[in-house]
Amino acid sequence: MKLIEKLLKEIEEEGQKTRKMLAIVPDDKYDWQPHPKSMPVKDLALHIADLPTWITLAVTTDELDFAASPYNPGNVTNTEGLLTLFEKNLAKAKAYMCQLPCK
């Protein structure tokens, strides 16, 4: 099995686990914070739903500078929107991986 195929398989396996976790985020708890110094659940869940976009970012950039390119994962108000965002990001990441030269 080629490296890209292995990575795609791993992305799909992790995607299944992540999808299950995101699906149980309650709509009425998006403002809840585990600790006063913590981010709200909404921000934490958005970060997780956005992680597949970092695959392309890691391959196509030399550095990560939030001052030059502020991080903006988007905005969702419910779990359905969260899952939609995750599925879109996961599909983009897999499509990008399929375009890479296989080694």
PDB file of N, CA and C in Angstrom:
ATOM      1  N   MET A   1       0.851  -1.180   0.000  1.00  0.00           N
ATOM      2  CA  MET A   1       0.000   0.000   0.000  1.00  0.00           C
ATOM      3  C   MET A   1       0.894   1.239   0.000  1.00  0.00           C
ATOM      4  N   LYS A   2       0.557   2.169  -0.859  1.00  0.00           N
ATOM      5  CA  LYS A   2       1.340   3.398  -0.972  1.00  0.00           C
ATOM      6  C   LYS A   2       1.053   4.322   0.199  1.00  0.00           C
ATOM      7  N   LEU A   3       1.980   5.238   0.450  1.00  0.00           N
ATOM      8  CA  LEU A   3       1.877   6.158   1.580  1.00  0.00           C
ATOM      9  C   LEU A   3       0.580   6.964   1.557  1.00  0.00           C
ATOM     10  N   ILE A   4       0.221   7.520   0.409  1.00  0.00           N
ATOM     11  CA  ILE A   4      -1.002   8.322   0.314  1.00  0.00           C
ATOM     12  C   ILE A   4      -2.221   7.473   0.654  1.00  0.00           C
ATOM     13  N   GLU A   5      -2.252   6.229   0.177  1.00  0.00           N
ATOM     14  CA  GLU A   5      -3.372   5.333   0.482  1.00  0.00           C
ATOM     15  C   GLU A   5      -3.460   5.066   1.983  1.00  0.00           C
ATOM     16  N   LYS A   6      -2.318   4.887   2.628  1.00  0.00           N
ATOM     17  CA  LYS A   6      -2.302   4.676   4.077  1.00  0.00           C
ATOM     18  C   LYS A   6      -2.815   5.905   4.820  1.00  0.00           C
ATOM     19  N   LEU A   7      -2.373   7.064   4.372  1.00  0.00           N
ATOM     20  CA  LEU A   7      -2.822   8.304   5.010  1.00  0.00           C
ATOM     21  C   LEU A   7      -4.324   8.522   4.810  1.00  0.00           C
ATOM     22  N   LEU A   8      -4.819   8.228   3.623  1.00  0.00           N
ATOM     23  CA  LEU A   8      -6.255   8.361   3.359  1.00  0.00           C
ATOM     24  C   LEU A   8      -7.065   7.409   4.236  1.00  0.00           C
ATOM     25  N   LYS A   9      -6.554   6.207   4.407  1.00  0.00           N
ATOM     26  CA  LYS A   9      -7.237   5.234   5.277  1.00  0.00           C
ATOM     27  C   LYS A   9      -7.266   5.748   6.717  1.00  0.00           C
ATOM     28  N   GLU A  10      -6.154   6.285   7.174  1.00  0.00           N
ATOM     29  CA  GLU A  10      -6.099   6.818   8.535  1.00  0.00           C
ATOM     30  C   GLU A  10      -7.023   8.029   8.693  1.00  0.00           C
ATOM     31  N   ILE A  11      -7.057   8.898   7.692  1.00  0.00           N
ATOM     32  CA  ILE A  11      -7.948  10.063   7.741  1.00  0.00           C
ATOM     33  C   ILE A  11      -9.398   9.608   7.849  1.00  0.00           C
ATOM     34  N   GLU A  12      -9.764   8.586   7.094  1.00  0.00           N
ATOM     35  CA  GLU A  12     -11.141   8.089   7.142  1.00  0.00           C
ATOM     36  C   GLU A  12     -11.458   7.465   8.509  1.00  0.00           C
ATOM     37  N   GLU A  13     -10.525   6.699   9.049  1.00  0.00           N
ATOM     38  CA  GLU A  13     -10.745   6.089  10.367  1.00  0.00           C
ATOM     39  C   GLU A  13     -10.876   7.154  11.454  1.00  0.00           C
ATOM     40  N   GLU A  14     -10.006   8.143  11.425  1.00  0.00           N
ATOM     41  CA  GLU A  14     -10.091   9.223  12.406  1.00  0.00           C
ATOM     42  C   GLU A  14     -11.351  10.050  12.189  1.00  0.00           C
ATOM     43  N   GLY A  15     -11.743  10.207  10.927  1.00  0.00           N
ATOM     44  CA  GLY A  15     -12.956  10.939  10.613  1.00  0.00           C
ATOM     45  C   GLY A  15     -14.190  10.284  11.221  1.00  0.00           C
ATOM     46  N   GLN A  16     -14.244   8.968  11.211  1.00  0.00           N
ATOM     47  CA  GLN A  16     -15.375   8.256  11.806  1.00  0.00           C
ATOM     48  C   GLN A  16     -15.456   8.521  13.311  1.00  0.00           C
ATOM     49  N   LYS A  17     -14.313   8.479  13.976  1.00  0.00           N
ATOM     50  CA  LYS A  17     -14.279   8.730  15.427  1.00  0.00           C
ATOM     51  C   LYS A  17     -14.648  10.179  15.733  1.00  0.00           C
ATOM     52  N   THR A  18     -14.110  11.088  14.945  1.00  0.00           N
ATOM     53  CA  THR A  18     -14.382  12.511  15.163  1.00  0.00           C
ATOM     54  C   THR A  18     -15.848  12.828  14.923  1.00  0.00           C
ATOM     55  N   ARG A  19     -16.407  12.241  13.885  1.00  0.00           N
ATOM     56  CA  ARG A  19     -17.827  12.434  13.560  1.00  0.00           C
ATOM     57  C   ARG A  19     -18.712  12.007  14.734  1.00  0.00           C
ATOM     58  N   LYS A  20     -18.410  10.875  15.335  1.00  0.00           N
ATOM     59  CA  LYS A  20     -19.177  10.383  16.488  1.00  0.00           C
ATOM     60  C   LYS A  20     -19.083  11.361  17.657  1.00  0.00           C
ATOM     61  N   MET A  21     -17.890  11.878  17.897  1.00  0.00           N
ATOM     62  CA  MET A  21     -17.689  12.801  19.008  1.00  0.00           C
ATOM     63  C   MET A  21     -18.435  14.114  18.761  1.00  0.00           C
ATOM     64  N   LEU A  22     -18.327  14.659  17.554  1.00  0.00           N
ATOM     65  CA  LEU A  22     -18.996  15.919  17.249  1.00  0.00           C
ATOM     66  C   LEU A  22     -20.515  15.776  17.287  1.00  0.00           C
ATOM     67  N   ALA A  23     -21.008  14.606  16.939  1.00  0.00           N
ATOM     68  CA  ALA A  23     -22.462  14.379  16.892  1.00  0.00           C
ATOM     69  C   ALA A  23     -23.112  14.439  18.272  1.00  0.00           C
ATOM     70  N   ILE A  24     -22.339  14.287  19.326  1.00  0.00           N
ATOM     71  CA  ILE A  24     -22.936  14.292  20.664  1.00  0.00           C
ATOM     72  C   ILE A  24     -22.790  15.628  21.385  1.00  0.00           C
ATOM     73  N   VAL A  25     -22.279  16.643  20.697  1.00  0.00           N
ATOM     74  CA  VAL A  25     -22.202  17.971  21.305  1.00  0.00           C
ATOM     75  C   VAL A  25     -23.629  18.527  21.367  1.00  0.00           C
ATOM     76  N   PRO A  26     -24.154  18.762  22.572  1.00  0.00           N
ATOM     77  CA  PRO A  26     -25.543  19.237  22.681  1.00  0.00           C
ATOM     78  C   PRO A  26     -25.708  20.679  22.189  1.00  0.00           C
ATOM     79  N   ASP A  27     -26.755  20.901  21.408  1.00  0.00           N
ATOM     80  CA  ASP A  27     -27.030  22.239  20.869  1.00  0.00           C
ATOM     81  C   ASP A  27     -27.152  23.298  21.964  1.00  0.00           C
ATOM     82  N   ASP A  28     -27.664  22.920  23.112  1.00  0.00           N
ATOM     83  CA  ASP A  28     -27.908  23.910  24.171  1.00  0.00           C
ATOM     84  C   ASP A  28     -26.699  24.138  25.079  1.00  0.00           C
ATOM     85  N   LYS A  29     -25.550  23.540  24.751  1.00  0.00           N
ATOM     86  CA  LYS A  29     -24.355  23.686  25.590  1.00  0.00           C
ATOM     87  C   LYS A  29     -23.199  24.376  24.873  1.00  0.00           C
ATOM     88  N   TYR A  30     -23.472  25.044  23.766  1.00  0.00           N
ATOM     89  CA  TYR A  30     -22.392  25.665  22.998  1.00  0.00           C
ATOM     90  C   TYR A  30     -21.672  26.777  23.751  1.00  0.00           C
ATOM     91  N   ASP A  31     -22.330  27.389  24.700  1.00  0.00           N
ATOM     92  CA  ASP A  31     -21.686  28.458  25.475  1.00  0.00           C
ATOM     93  C   ASP A  31     -21.026  27.947  26.749  1.00  0.00           C
ATOM     94  N   TRP A  32     -21.192  26.678  27.066  1.00  0.00           N
ATOM     95  CA  TRP A  32     -20.636  26.117  28.296  1.00  0.00           C
ATOM     96  C   TRP A  32     -19.111  26.052  28.225  1.00  0.00           C
ATOM     97  N   GLN A  33     -18.459  26.370  29.348  1.00  0.00           N
ATOM     98  CA  GLN A  33     -17.002  26.307  29.443  1.00  0.00           C
ATOM     99  C   GLN A  33     -16.636  25.318  30.545  1.00  0.00           C
ATOM    100  N   PRO A  34     -15.722  24.390  30.273  1.00  0.00           N
ATOM    101  CA  PRO A  34     -15.310  23.448  31.304  1.00  0.00           C
ATOM    102  C   PRO A  34     -14.621  24.126  32.491  1.00  0.00           C
ATOM    103  N   HIS A  35     -14.058  25.295  32.247  1.00  0.00           N
ATOM    104  CA  HIS A  35     -13.351  26.059  33.269  1.00  0.00           C
ATOM    105  C   HIS A  35     -13.411  27.524  32.840  1.00  0.00           C
ATOM    106  N   PRO A  36     -13.447  28.472  33.773  1.00  0.00           N
ATOM    107  CA  PRO A  36     -13.517  29.891  33.369  1.00  0.00           C
ATOM    108  C   PRO A  36     -12.399  30.333  32.413  1.00  0.00           C
ATOM    109  N   LYS A  37     -11.242  29.690  32.487  1.00  0.00           N
ATOM    110  CA  LYS A  37     -10.140  30.055  31.594  1.00  0.00           C
ATOM    111  C   LYS A  37     -10.170  29.275  30.277  1.00  0.00           C
ATOM    112  N   SER A  38     -11.113  28.356  30.134  1.00  0.00           N
ATOM    113  CA  SER A  38     -11.220  27.534  28.929  1.00  0.00           C
ATOM    114  C   SER A  38     -12.073  28.212  27.862  1.00  0.00           C
ATOM    115  N   MET A  39     -11.889  27.771  26.646  1.00  0.00           N
ATOM    116  CA  MET A  39     -12.758  28.216  25.564  1.00  0.00           C
ATOM    117  C   MET A  39     -14.130  27.567  25.735  1.00  0.00           C
ATOM    118  N   PRO A  40     -15.169  28.189  25.226  1.00  0.00           N
ATOM    119  CA  PRO A  40     -16.495  27.546  25.243  1.00  0.00           C
ATOM    120  C   PRO A  40     -16.491  26.290  24.362  1.00  0.00           C
ATOM    121  N   VAL A  41     -17.416  25.389  24.636  1.00  0.00           N
ATOM    122  CA  VAL A  41     -17.526  24.147  23.869  1.00  0.00           C
ATOM    123  C   VAL A  41     -17.643  24.440  22.370  1.00  0.00           C
ATOM    124  N   LYS A  42     -18.368  25.478  22.018  1.00  0.00           N
ATOM    125  CA  LYS A  42     -18.524  25.832  20.604  1.00  0.00           C
ATOM    126  C   LYS A  42     -17.162  26.043  19.942  1.00  0.00           C
ATOM    127  N   ASP A  43     -16.290  26.800  20.574  1.00  0.00           N
ATOM    128  CA  ASP A  43     -14.970  27.072  20.002  1.00  0.00           C
ATOM    129  C   ASP A  43     -14.109  25.810  19.944  1.00  0.00           C
ATOM    130  N   LEU A  44     -14.204  24.991  20.977  1.00  0.00           N
ATOM    131  CA  LEU A  44     -13.440  23.733  20.997  1.00  0.00           C
ATOM    132  C   LEU A  44     -13.923  22.799  19.887  1.00  0.00           C
ATOM    133  N   ALA A  45     -15.239  22.674  19.749  1.00  0.00           N
ATOM    134  CA  ALA A  45     -15.805  21.798  18.720  1.00  0.00           C
ATOM    135  C   ALA A  45     -15.494  22.323  17.321  1.00  0.00           C
ATOM    136  N   LEU A  46     -15.556  23.638  17.133  1.00  0.00           N
ATOM    137  CA  LEU A  46     -15.202  24.231  15.839  1.00  0.00           C
ATOM    138  C   LEU A  46     -13.754  23.934  15.473  1.00  0.00           C
ATOM    139  N   HIS A  47     -12.888  24.010  16.451  1.00  0.00           N
ATOM    140  CA  HIS A  47     -11.478  23.710  16.207  1.00  0.00           C
ATOM    141  C   HIS A  47     -11.313  22.272  15.721  1.00  0.00           C
ATOM    142  N   ILE A  48     -11.998  21.347  16.369  1.00  0.00           N
ATOM    143  CA  ILE A  48     -11.908  19.944  15.976  1.00  0.00           C
ATOM    144  C   ILE A  48     -12.494  19.738  14.580  1.00  0.00           C
ATOM    145  N   ALA A  49     -13.632  20.370  14.295  1.00  0.00           N
ATOM    146  CA  ALA A  49     -14.253  20.238  12.974  1.00  0.00           C
ATOM    147  C   ALA A  49     -13.386  20.844  11.879  1.00  0.00           C
ATOM    148  N   ASP A  50     -12.522  21.776  12.244  1.00  0.00           N
ATOM    149  CA  ASP A  50     -11.662  22.451  11.278  1.00  0.00           C
ATOM    150  C   ASP A  50     -10.314  21.747  11.077  1.00  0.00           C
ATOM    151  N   LEU A  51      -9.971  20.821  11.932  1.00  0.00           N
ATOM    152  CA  LEU A  51      -8.657  20.182  11.843  1.00  0.00           C
ATOM    153  C   LEU A  51      -8.330  19.549  10.488  1.00  0.00           C
ATOM    154  N   PRO A  52      -9.283  18.961   9.766  1.00  0.00           N
ATOM    155  CA  PRO A  52      -8.901  18.420   8.458  1.00  0.00           C
ATOM    156  C   PRO A  52      -8.314  19.459   7.503  1.00  0.00           C
ATOM    157  N   THR A  53      -8.666  20.726   7.658  1.00  0.00           N
ATOM    158  CA  THR A  53      -8.098  21.752   6.767  1.00  0.00           C
ATOM    159  C   THR A  53      -6.611  21.937   7.024  1.00  0.00           C
ATOM    160  N   TRP A  54      -6.164  21.523   8.174  1.00  0.00           N
ATOM    161  CA  TRP A  54      -4.746  21.680   8.505  1.00  0.00           C
ATOM    162  C   TRP A  54      -3.873  20.698   7.729  1.00  0.00           C
ATOM    163  N   ILE A  55      -4.471  19.660   7.152  1.00  0.00           N
ATOM    164  CA  ILE A  55      -3.704  18.726   6.325  1.00  0.00           C
ATOM    165  C   ILE A  55      -3.149  19.467   5.122  1.00  0.00           C
ATOM    166  N   THR A  56      -4.007  20.161   4.407  1.00  0.00           N
ATOM    167  CA  THR A  56      -3.569  20.947   3.250  1.00  0.00           C
ATOM    168  C   THR A  56      -2.611  22.047   3.684  1.00  0.00           C
ATOM    169  N   LEU A  57      -2.938  22.701   4.774  1.00  0.00           N
ATOM    170  CA  LEU A  57      -2.089  23.773   5.290  1.00  0.00           C
ATOM    171  C   LEU A  57      -0.678  23.265   5.582  1.00  0.00           C
ATOM    172  N   ALA A  58      -0.565  22.101   6.180  1.00  0.00           N
ATOM    173  CA  ALA A  58       0.749  21.551   6.532  1.00  0.00           C
ATOM    174  C   ALA A  58       1.582  21.219   5.297  1.00  0.00           C
ATOM    175  N   VAL A  59       0.924  20.829   4.225  1.00  0.00           N
ATOM    176  CA  VAL A  59       1.640  20.435   3.014  1.00  0.00           C
ATOM    177  C   VAL A  59       1.962  21.633   2.119  1.00  0.00           C
ATOM    178  N   THR A  60       1.150  22.664   2.184  1.00  0.00           N
ATOM    179  CA  THR A  60       1.299  23.763   1.222  1.00  0.00           C
ATOM    180  C   THR A  60       1.970  25.011   1.774  1.00  0.00           C
ATOM    181  N   THR A  61       2.249  25.066   3.069  1.00  0.00           N
ATOM    182  CA  THR A  61       2.858  26.275   3.630  1.00  0.00           C
ATOM    183  C   THR A  61       4.145  25.944   4.371  1.00  0.00           C
ATOM    184  N   ASP A  62       4.981  26.952   4.478  1.00  0.00           N
ATOM    185  CA  ASP A  62       6.238  26.793   5.196  1.00  0.00           C
ATOM    186  C   ASP A  62       6.133  27.213   6.654  1.00  0.00           C
ATOM    187  N   GLU A  63       5.132  28.042   6.963  1.00  0.00           N
ATOM    188  CA  GLU A  63       4.996  28.537   8.329  1.00  0.00           C
ATOM    189  C   GLU A  63       3.534  28.827   8.628  1.00  0.00           C
ATOM    190  N   LEU A  64       3.257  28.957   9.896  1.00  0.00           N
ATOM    191  CA  LEU A  64       1.914  29.291  10.347  1.00  0.00           C
ATOM    192  C   LEU A  64       2.015  30.580  11.144  1.00  0.00           C
ATOM    193  N   ASP A  65       1.472  31.643  10.574  1.00  0.00           N
ATOM    194  CA  ASP A  65       1.564  32.956  11.199  1.00  0.00           C
ATOM    195  C   ASP A  65       0.155  33.527  11.339  1.00  0.00           C
ATOM    196  N   PHE A  66      -0.422  33.425  12.542  1.00  0.00           N
ATOM    197  CA  PHE A  66      -1.772  33.905  12.762  1.00  0.00           C
ATOM    198  C   PHE A  66      -1.866  35.430  12.702  1.00  0.00           C
ATOM    199  N   ALA A  67      -0.755  36.118  12.854  1.00  0.00           N
ATOM    200  CA  ALA A  67      -0.769  37.572  12.727  1.00  0.00           C
ATOM    201  C   ALA A  67      -1.010  37.960  11.268  1.00  0.00           C
ATOM    202  N   ALA A  68      -0.416  37.218  10.357  1.00  0.00           N
ATOM    203  CA  ALA A  68      -0.576  37.501   8.936  1.00  0.00           C
ATOM    204  C   ALA A  68      -1.868  36.909   8.371  1.00  0.00           C
ATOM    205  N   SER A  69      -2.256  35.755   8.892  1.00  0.00           N
ATOM    206  CA  SER A  69      -3.483  35.074   8.440  1.00  0.00           C
ATOM    207  C   SER A  69      -4.257  34.624   9.671  1.00  0.00           C
ATOM    208  N   PRO A  70      -5.125  35.470  10.188  1.00  0.00           N
ATOM    209  CA  PRO A  70      -5.866  35.113  11.408  1.00  0.00           C
ATOM    210  C   PRO A  70      -6.686  33.839  11.222  1.00  0.00           C
ATOM    211  N   TYR A  71      -6.759  33.069  12.267  1.00  0.00           N
ATOM    212  CA  TYR A  71      -7.504  31.811  12.254  1.00  0.00           C
ATOM    213  C   TYR A  71      -8.993  32.096  12.381  1.00  0.00           C
ATOM    214  N   ASN A  72      -9.759  31.620  11.426  1.00  0.00           N
ATOM    215  CA  ASN A  72     -11.206  31.811  11.450  1.00  0.00           C
ATOM    216  C   ASN A  72     -11.869  30.537  10.939  1.00  0.00           C
ATOM    217  N   PRO A  73     -12.260  29.635  11.846  1.00  0.00           N
ATOM    218  CA  PRO A  73     -12.837  28.368  11.409  1.00  0.00           C
ATOM    219  C   PRO A  73     -14.280  28.484  10.927  1.00  0.00           C
ATOM    220  N   GLY A  74     -14.881  29.633  11.084  1.00  0.00           N
ATOM    221  CA  GLY A  74     -16.271  29.797  10.688  1.00  0.00           C
ATOM    222  C   GLY A  74     -17.157  29.935  11.914  1.00  0.00           C
ATOM    223  N   ASN A  75     -18.449  29.816  11.688  1.00  0.00           N
ATOM    224  CA  ASN A  75     -19.388  29.962  12.785  1.00  0.00           C
ATOM    225  C   ASN A  75     -20.524  28.971  12.597  1.00  0.00           C
ATOM    226  N   VAL A  76     -20.825  28.235  13.629  1.00  0.00           N
ATOM    227  CA  VAL A  76     -21.970  27.331  13.624  1.00  0.00           C
ATOM    228  C   VAL A  76     -22.760  27.571  14.900  1.00  0.00           C
ATOM    229  N   THR A  77     -24.027  27.248  14.851  1.00  0.00           N
ATOM    230  CA  THR A  77     -24.875  27.472  16.020  1.00  0.00           C
ATOM    231  C   THR A  77     -25.525  26.194  16.518  1.00  0.00           C
ATOM    232  N   ASN A  78     -25.278  25.082  15.813  1.00  0.00           N
ATOM    233  CA  ASN A  78     -25.849  23.814  16.260  1.00  0.00           C
ATOM    234  C   ASN A  78     -24.997  22.651  15.766  1.00  0.00           C
ATOM    235  N   THR A  79     -25.314  21.479  16.262  1.00  0.00           N
ATOM    236  CA  THR A  79     -24.521  20.298  15.954  1.00  0.00           C
ATOM    237  C   THR A  79     -24.663  19.894  14.486  1.00  0.00           C
ATOM    238  N   GLU A  80     -25.806  20.110  13.913  1.00  0.00           N
ATOM    239  CA  GLU A  80     -25.987  19.804  12.490  1.00  0.00           C
ATOM    240  C   GLU A  80     -25.024  20.635  11.649  1.00  0.00           C
ATOM    241  N   GLY A  81     -24.922  21.924  11.949  1.00  0.00           N
ATOM    242  CA  GLY A  81     -23.984  22.788  11.247  1.00  0.00           C
ATOM    243  C   GLY A  81     -22.539  22.389  11.492  1.00  0.00           C
ATOM    244  N   LEU A  82     -22.247  21.956  12.697  1.00  0.00           N
ATOM    245  CA  LEU A  82     -20.903  21.506  13.059  1.00  0.00           C
ATOM    246  C   LEU A  82     -20.515  20.289  12.226  1.00  0.00           C
ATOM    247  N   LEU A  83     -21.426  19.332  12.120  1.00  0.00           N
ATOM    248  CA  LEU A  83     -21.160  18.125  11.331  1.00  0.00           C
ATOM    249  C   LEU A  83     -21.036  18.448   9.842  1.00  0.00           C
ATOM    250  N   THR A  84     -21.840  19.370   9.361  1.00  0.00           N
ATOM    251  CA  THR A  84     -21.755  19.784   7.955  1.00  0.00           C
ATOM    252  C   THR A  84     -20.388  20.402   7.671  1.00  0.00           C
ATOM    253  N   LEU A  85     -19.930  21.268   8.566  1.00  0.00           N
ATOM    254  CA  LEU A  85     -18.606  21.878   8.420  1.00  0.00           C
ATOM    255  C   LEU A  85     -17.517  20.816   8.436  1.00  0.00           C
ATOM    256  N   PHE A  86     -17.600  19.879   9.362  1.00  0.00           N
ATOM    257  CA  PHE A  86     -16.595  18.814   9.442  1.00  0.00           C
ATOM    258  C   PHE A  86     -16.574  17.982   8.162  1.00  0.00           C
ATOM    259  N   GLU A  87     -17.744  17.596   7.663  1.00  0.00           N
ATOM    260  CA  GLU A  87     -17.808  16.775   6.446  1.00  0.00           C
ATOM    261  C   GLU A  87     -17.212  17.519   5.259  1.00  0.00           C
ATOM    262  N   LYS A  88     -17.500  18.810   5.145  1.00  0.00           N
ATOM    263  CA  LYS A  88     -16.944  19.623   4.056  1.00  0.00           C
ATOM    264  C   LYS A  88     -15.419  19.671   4.160  1.00  0.00           C
ATOM    265  N   ASN A  89     -14.910  19.917   5.360  1.00  0.00           N
ATOM    266  CA  ASN A  89     -13.462  20.005   5.560  1.00  0.00           C
ATOM    267  C   ASN A  89     -12.784  18.658   5.328  1.00  0.00           C
ATOM    268  N   LEU A  90     -13.415  17.583   5.766  1.00  0.00           N
ATOM    269  CA  LEU A  90     -12.847  16.245   5.580  1.00  0.00           C
ATOM    270  C   LEU A  90     -12.799  15.896   4.091  1.00  0.00           C
ATOM    271  N   ALA A  91     -13.857  16.201   3.370  1.00  0.00           N
ATOM    272  CA  ALA A  91     -13.889  15.917   1.928  1.00  0.00           C
ATOM    273  C   ALA A  91     -12.796  16.699   1.189  1.00  0.00           C
ATOM    274  N   LYS A  92     -12.615  17.957   1.553  1.00  0.00           N
ATOM    275  CA  LYS A  92     -11.562  18.764   0.929  1.00  0.00           C
ATOM    276  C   LYS A  92     -10.180  18.184   1.214  1.00  0.00           C
ATOM    277  N   ALA A  93      -9.959  17.766   2.446  1.00  0.00           N
ATOM    278  CA  ALA A  93      -8.657  17.201   2.820  1.00  0.00           C
ATOM    279  C   ALA A  93      -8.377  15.920   2.038  1.00  0.00           C
ATOM    280  N   LYS A  94      -9.383  15.055   1.935  1.00  0.00           N
ATOM    281  CA  LYS A  94      -9.192  13.801   1.194  1.00  0.00           C
ATOM    282  C   LYS A  94      -8.981  14.072  -0.288  1.00  0.00           C
ATOM    283  N   ALA A  95      -9.723  15.017  -0.840  1.00  0.00           N
ATOM    284  CA  ALA A  95      -9.550  15.361  -2.255  1.00  0.00           C
ATOM    285  C   ALA A  95      -8.143  15.890  -2.504  1.00  0.00           C
ATOM    286  N   TYR A  96      -7.651  16.711  -1.589  1.00  0.00           N
ATOM    287  CA  TYR A  96      -6.299  17.240  -1.742  1.00  0.00           C
ATOM    288  C   TYR A  96      -5.269  16.113  -1.682  1.00  0.00           C
ATOM    289  N   MET A  97      -5.454  15.208  -0.740  1.00  0.00           N
ATOM    290  CA  MET A  97      -4.511  14.087  -0.606  1.00  0.00           C
ATOM    291  C   MET A  97      -4.489  13.237  -1.878  1.00  0.00           C
ATOM    292  N   CYS A  98      -5.627  13.073  -2.524  1.00  0.00           N
ATOM    293  CA  CYS A  98      -5.698  12.281  -3.756  1.00  0.00           C
ATOM    294  C   CYS A  98      -4.956  12.945  -4.909  1.00  0.00           C
ATOM    295  N   GLN A  99      -4.731  14.246  -4.833  1.00  0.00           N
ATOM    296  CA  GLN A  99      -4.028  14.963  -5.894  1.00  0.00           C
ATOM    297  C   GLN A  99      -2.509  14.926  -5.715  1.00  0.00           C
ATOM    298  N   LEU A 100      -2.041  14.526  -4.534  1.00  0.00           N
ATOM    299  CA  LEU A 100      -0.605  14.491  -4.291  1.00  0.00           C
ATOM    300  C   LEU A 100       0.041  13.348  -5.070  1.00  0.00           C
ATOM    301  N   PRO A 101       1.296  13.544  -5.460  1.00  0.00           N
ATOM    302  CA  PRO A 101       1.984  12.437  -6.160  1.00  0.00           C
ATOM    303  C   PRO A 101       2.117  11.249  -5.215  1.00  0.00           C
ATOM    304  N   CYS A 102       1.800  10.080  -5.723  1.00  0.00           N
ATOM    305  CA  CYS A 102       1.886   8.873  -4.897  1.00  0.00           C
ATOM    306  C   CYS A 102       3.324   8.387  -4.836  1.00  0.00           C
ATOM    307  N   LYS A 103       3.735   8.033  -3.625  1.00  0.00           N
ATOM    308  CA  LYS A 103       5.096   7.498  -3.413  1.00  0.00           C
ATOM    309  C   LYS A 103       5.015   6.294  -2.524  1.00  0.00           C
TER     310      LYS A 103
END
